[in-house]
Amino acid sequence: MYRSRYSSLKQPDNQFSIQCTITQEQDGRIFKAMVPIHFELKDGTTIEKVIWNTTRYHTFKVIVPAEVKQIVVAPGFSVYCEIIS
């Protein structure tokens, strides 16, 4: 199971710099996974990214053209993964 939290900073060019941390919250082993992430923007646009995650906490940055309404991590629980021994 993944959770996310993010911060947003408006840039001089009116784009937004997003710093997002995704967290694997399940008990037990950590998964190495390609995690799809949807950035739903306030202008109605959805931007899809895939983040390669190998740790319990993974922080990344992305630039988006409008303010974020919400971030959906692994929509429909869709990830591609393998267990790290």
Protein backbone atom coordinates (compact mmCIF):
# COMPACT_ATOMS: atom_id res chain seq x y z
CA MET A 1 0.00 0.00 0.00
CA TYR A 2 1.30 3.45 -0.91
CA ARG A 3 0.63 6.86 0.59
CA SER A 4 1.81 10.18 -0.69
CA ARG A 5 2.38 13.67 0.58
CA TYR A 6 3.58 16.63 -1.41
CA SER A 7 4.44 20.29 -1.37
CA SER A 8 3.99 22.73 -4.23
CA LEU A 9 5.91 25.88 -5.10
CA LYS A 10 4.82 28.26 -7.87
CA GLN A 11 7.70 29.13 -10.20
CA PRO A 12 8.35 32.52 -11.89
CA ASP A 13 7.13 31.02 -15.20
CA ASN A 14 3.78 30.12 -13.52
CA GLN A 15 4.53 26.39 -13.51
CA PHE A 16 4.58 24.47 -10.22
CA SER A 17 7.49 22.54 -8.72
CA ILE A 18 6.11 19.54 -6.84
CA GLN A 19 8.12 17.62 -4.27
CA CYS A 20 6.36 14.35 -3.49
CA THR A 21 7.18 11.51 -1.10
CA ILE A 22 5.57 8.11 -1.56
CA THR A 23 5.63 5.65 1.33
CA GLN A 24 5.21 1.87 1.29
CA GLU A 25 3.05 1.27 4.36
CA GLN A 26 2.64 -2.49 4.37
CA ASP A 27 4.23 -4.63 7.07
CA GLY A 28 7.01 -6.94 6.00
CA ARG A 29 9.21 -6.76 2.95
CA ILE A 30 9.75 -3.68 0.83
CA PHE A 31 8.90 -4.03 -2.84
CA LYS A 32 10.95 -2.84 -5.78
CA ALA A 33 8.27 -1.45 -8.08
CA MET A 34 7.39 0.76 -10.99
CA VAL A 35 4.65 2.89 -9.44
CA PRO A 36 2.23 4.83 -11.66
CA ILE A 37 1.33 8.26 -10.31
CA HIS A 38 -1.41 10.56 -11.59
CA PHE A 39 -1.12 14.28 -10.94
CA GLU A 40 -4.65 15.68 -11.20
CA LEU A 41 -4.38 19.43 -11.78
CA LYS A 42 -6.88 22.15 -10.91
CA ASP A 43 -7.20 23.04 -14.60
CA GLY A 44 -8.68 19.57 -15.27
CA THR A 45 -5.51 18.06 -16.76
CA THR A 46 -4.09 14.74 -15.56
CA ILE A 47 -0.37 14.06 -15.94
CA GLU A 48 0.77 10.45 -15.67
CA LYS A 49 4.27 9.51 -14.48
CA VAL A 50 5.88 6.23 -13.48
CA ILE A 51 8.35 6.32 -10.59
CA TRP A 52 10.87 3.55 -9.94
CA ASN A 53 10.69 2.86 -6.20
CA THR A 54 13.02 0.57 -4.20
CA THR A 55 12.70 1.94 -0.65
CA ARG A 56 10.05 2.46 2.01
CA TYR A 57 10.22 6.25 1.45
CA HIS A 58 10.92 7.73 -1.97
CA THR A 59 11.03 11.49 -2.62
CA PHE A 60 11.06 12.97 -6.11
CA LYS A 61 10.41 16.29 -7.85
CA VAL A 62 8.40 17.09 -10.94
CA ILE A 63 7.35 20.31 -12.72
CA VAL A 64 3.68 20.62 -13.73
CA PRO A 65 1.94 23.41 -15.68
CA ALA A 66 -0.87 24.10 -13.17
CA GLU A 67 -1.64 23.78 -9.47
CA VAL A 68 -2.18 20.23 -8.18
CA LYS A 69 -5.68 19.23 -7.07
CA GLN A 70 -4.63 15.75 -5.92
CA ILE A 71 -2.04 13.06 -6.47
CA VAL A 72 -3.18 9.46 -6.97
CA VAL A 73 -0.51 6.83 -6.34
CA ALA A 74 -0.96 3.41 -7.97
CA PRO A 75 -4.49 4.07 -9.26
CA GLY A 76 -6.49 0.86 -9.05
CA PHE A 77 -3.57 -0.62 -7.05
CA SER A 78 -1.60 -0.96 -10.30
CA VAL A 79 2.12 -1.56 -9.75
CA TYR A 80 4.72 -3.84 -11.30
CA CYS A 81 6.97 -5.24 -8.59
CA GLU A 82 9.26 -7.91 -7.23
CA ILE A 83 10.20 -8.65 -3.62
CA ILE A 84 13.63 -7.49 -2.44
CA SER A 85 15.27 -10.21 -0.35
